[in-house]
C-alpha cells in the first residue's frame, strides 16, 4: 500500500534538528518506507541527515509518501507531528 499526504511546516524554526529527530524516531517504529518530498527533492524519512538537507523553513509544504503494510498509521502519526508544530508554540 502507498499513501501520500501533504503537510505544512508551521513551527517558526522550520525543520531543524529536533523536528527531524521526531520524524525519524516515529518513522523507525514502522516497517513501511517513508519518503519526504520538497522542492523537487525526495529524501528518506528514516534518515535524520537526509531530512535535514531539505532545509524546509516555516511555511514550506512537504509531501509524505509511505509505502508498506503499516503505511496508514505511519503517515497519520508523522502528519500529526507537523499539525502539532512539533510541540513548538512560537
C-alpha atoms as a PDB file:
ATOM      1  CA  UNK A   1       0.000   0.000   0.000  1.00  0.00           C
ATOM      2  CA  UNK A   2       1.209   3.514  -0.802  1.00  0.00           C
ATOM      3  CA  UNK A   3      -0.245   6.634   0.779  1.00  0.00           C
ATOM      4  CA  UNK A   4       0.570  10.301   0.293  1.00  0.00           C
ATOM      5  CA  UNK A   5      -0.209  13.301   2.455  1.00  0.00           C
ATOM      6  CA  UNK A   6       0.698  16.985   2.265  1.00  0.00           C
ATOM      7  CA  UNK A   7       1.886  18.656   5.459  1.00  0.00           C
ATOM      8  CA  UNK A   8       2.821  22.226   6.311  1.00  0.00           C
ATOM      9  CA  UNK A   9       5.892  23.183   8.326  1.00  0.00           C
ATOM     10  CA  UNK A  10       4.161  25.518  10.802  1.00  0.00           C
ATOM     11  CA  UNK A  11       6.741  25.809  13.579  1.00  0.00           C
ATOM     12  CA  UNK A  12       8.672  29.080  13.397  1.00  0.00           C
ATOM     13  CA  UNK A  13      12.131  27.462  13.341  1.00  0.00           C
ATOM     14  CA  UNK A  14      11.315  25.206  10.381  1.00  0.00           C
ATOM     15  CA  UNK A  15      12.561  21.658  10.023  1.00  0.00           C
ATOM     16  CA  UNK A  16      15.599  21.876  12.314  1.00  0.00           C
ATOM     17  CA  UNK A  17      17.293  19.055  14.253  1.00  0.00           C
ATOM     18  CA  UNK A  18      14.609  18.431  16.896  1.00  0.00           C
ATOM     19  CA  UNK A  19      11.651  18.109  14.486  1.00  0.00           C
ATOM     20  CA  UNK A  20      13.786  15.963  12.163  1.00  0.00           C
ATOM     21  CA  UNK A  21      14.613  13.697  15.103  1.00  0.00           C
ATOM     22  CA  UNK A  22      10.908  13.437  15.982  1.00  0.00           C
ATOM     23  CA  UNK A  23      10.007  12.426  12.407  1.00  0.00           C
ATOM     24  CA  UNK A  24      12.796   9.855  12.173  1.00  0.00           C
ATOM     25  CA  UNK A  25      12.121   8.388  15.634  1.00  0.00           C
ATOM     26  CA  UNK A  26       8.471   7.960  14.727  1.00  0.00           C
ATOM     27  CA  UNK A  27       9.174   6.517  11.278  1.00  0.00           C
ATOM     28  CA  UNK A  28      11.655   3.966  12.629  1.00  0.00           C
ATOM     29  CA  UNK A  29       8.876   2.342  14.680  1.00  0.00           C
ATOM     30  CA  UNK A  30       7.192   1.247  11.444  1.00  0.00           C
ATOM     31  CA  UNK A  31       8.154  -1.270   8.785  1.00  0.00           C
ATOM     32  CA  UNK A  32       6.895   0.877   5.907  1.00  0.00           C
ATOM     33  CA  UNK A  33       9.251   3.112   3.951  1.00  0.00           C
ATOM     34  CA  UNK A  34       8.807   6.868   4.282  1.00  0.00           C
ATOM     35  CA  UNK A  35       9.896   9.377   1.643  1.00  0.00           C
ATOM     36  CA  UNK A  36       9.551  13.112   2.170  1.00  0.00           C
ATOM     37  CA  UNK A  37       9.358  15.307  -0.905  1.00  0.00           C
ATOM     38  CA  UNK A  38      10.096  19.024  -1.011  1.00  0.00           C
ATOM     39  CA  UNK A  39      11.189  21.445  -3.696  1.00  0.00           C
ATOM     40  CA  UNK A  40      11.864  18.734  -6.290  1.00  0.00           C
ATOM     41  CA  UNK A  41      13.818  16.551  -3.859  1.00  0.00           C
ATOM     42  CA  UNK A  42      12.904  13.262  -2.213  1.00  0.00           C
ATOM     43  CA  UNK A  43      14.654  12.041   0.939  1.00  0.00           C
ATOM     44  CA  UNK A  44      14.442   9.026   3.209  1.00  0.00           C
ATOM     45  CA  UNK A  45      12.196   9.915   6.170  1.00  0.00           C
ATOM     46  CA  UNK A  46      14.128   7.454   8.325  1.00  0.00           C
ATOM     47  CA  UNK A  47      17.434   9.320   7.889  1.00  0.00           C
ATOM     48  CA  UNK A  48      17.944  12.432  10.012  1.00  0.00           C
ATOM     49  CA  UNK A  49      20.848  13.581   7.843  1.00  0.00           C
ATOM     50  CA  UNK A  50      18.840  13.341   4.631  1.00  0.00           C
ATOM     51  CA  UNK A  51      15.825  15.014   6.221  1.00  0.00           C
ATOM     52  CA  UNK A  52      17.891  17.949   7.480  1.00  0.00           C
ATOM     53  CA  UNK A  53      19.236  18.592   3.962  1.00  0.00           C
ATOM     54  CA  UNK A  54      15.741  19.688   2.885  1.00  0.00           C
ATOM     55  CA  UNK A  55      16.191  22.998   4.783  1.00  0.00           C
ATOM     56  CA  UNK A  56      12.400  23.354   4.927  1.00  0.00           C
ATOM     57  CA  UNK A  57      11.524  26.699   6.517  1.00  0.00           C
ATOM     58  CA  UNK A  58       8.306  27.719   8.228  1.00  0.00           C
ATOM     59  CA  UNK A  59       5.528  27.796   5.639  1.00  0.00           C
ATOM     60  CA  UNK A  60       7.027  25.046   3.463  1.00  0.00           C
ATOM     61  CA  UNK A  61       4.677  22.370   2.153  1.00  0.00           C
ATOM     62  CA  UNK A  62       6.073  18.845   2.166  1.00  0.00           C
ATOM     63  CA  UNK A  63       4.655  15.636   0.758  1.00  0.00           C
ATOM     64  CA  UNK A  64       4.847  12.474   2.849  1.00  0.00           C
ATOM     65  CA  UNK A  65       4.850   9.214   0.914  1.00  0.00           C
ATOM     66  CA  UNK A  66       4.642   5.969   2.882  1.00  0.00           C
ATOM     67  CA  UNK A  67       4.787   2.537   1.276  1.00  0.00           C
ATOM     68  CA  UNK A  68       4.177  -0.736   3.076  1.00  0.00           C
ATOM     69  CA  UNK A  69       1.770  -2.720   5.226  1.00  0.00           C
ATOM     70  CA  UNK A  70       1.609  -0.120   8.027  1.00  0.00           C
ATOM     71  CA  UNK A  71       1.736   2.974   5.800  1.00  0.00           C
ATOM     72  CA  UNK A  72      -1.559   4.401   7.073  1.00  0.00           C
ATOM     73  CA  UNK A  73      -0.672   4.658  10.777  1.00  0.00           C
ATOM     74  CA  UNK A  74       2.849   5.824   9.864  1.00  0.00           C
ATOM     75  CA  UNK A  75       1.628   8.692   7.728  1.00  0.00           C
ATOM     76  CA  UNK A  76      -1.058   9.631  10.266  1.00  0.00           C
ATOM     77  CA  UNK A  77       1.432   9.788  13.152  1.00  0.00           C
ATOM     78  CA  UNK A  78       4.030  11.774  11.213  1.00  0.00           C
ATOM     79  CA  UNK A  79       1.376  14.185   9.902  1.00  0.00           C
ATOM     80  CA  UNK A  80       0.184  14.701  13.494  1.00  0.00           C
ATOM     81  CA  UNK A  81       3.704  15.844  14.460  1.00  0.00           C
ATOM     82  CA  UNK A  82       3.532  18.557  11.806  1.00  0.00           C
ATOM     83  CA  UNK A  83      -0.008  19.552  12.819  1.00  0.00           C
ATOM     84  CA  UNK A  84       1.150  19.905  16.434  1.00  0.00           C
ATOM     85  CA  UNK A  85       4.083  22.050  15.240  1.00  0.00           C
ATOM     86  CA  UNK A  86       6.385  19.540  16.957  1.00  0.00           C
ATOM     87  CA  UNK A  87       5.251  20.953  20.292  1.00  0.00           C
ATOM     88  CA  UNK A  88       6.771  24.351  19.497  1.00  0.00           C
ATOM     89  CA  UNK A  89       4.452  27.219  20.361  1.00  0.00           C
ATOM     90  CA  UNK A  90       6.369  30.202  18.945  1.00  0.00           C
END
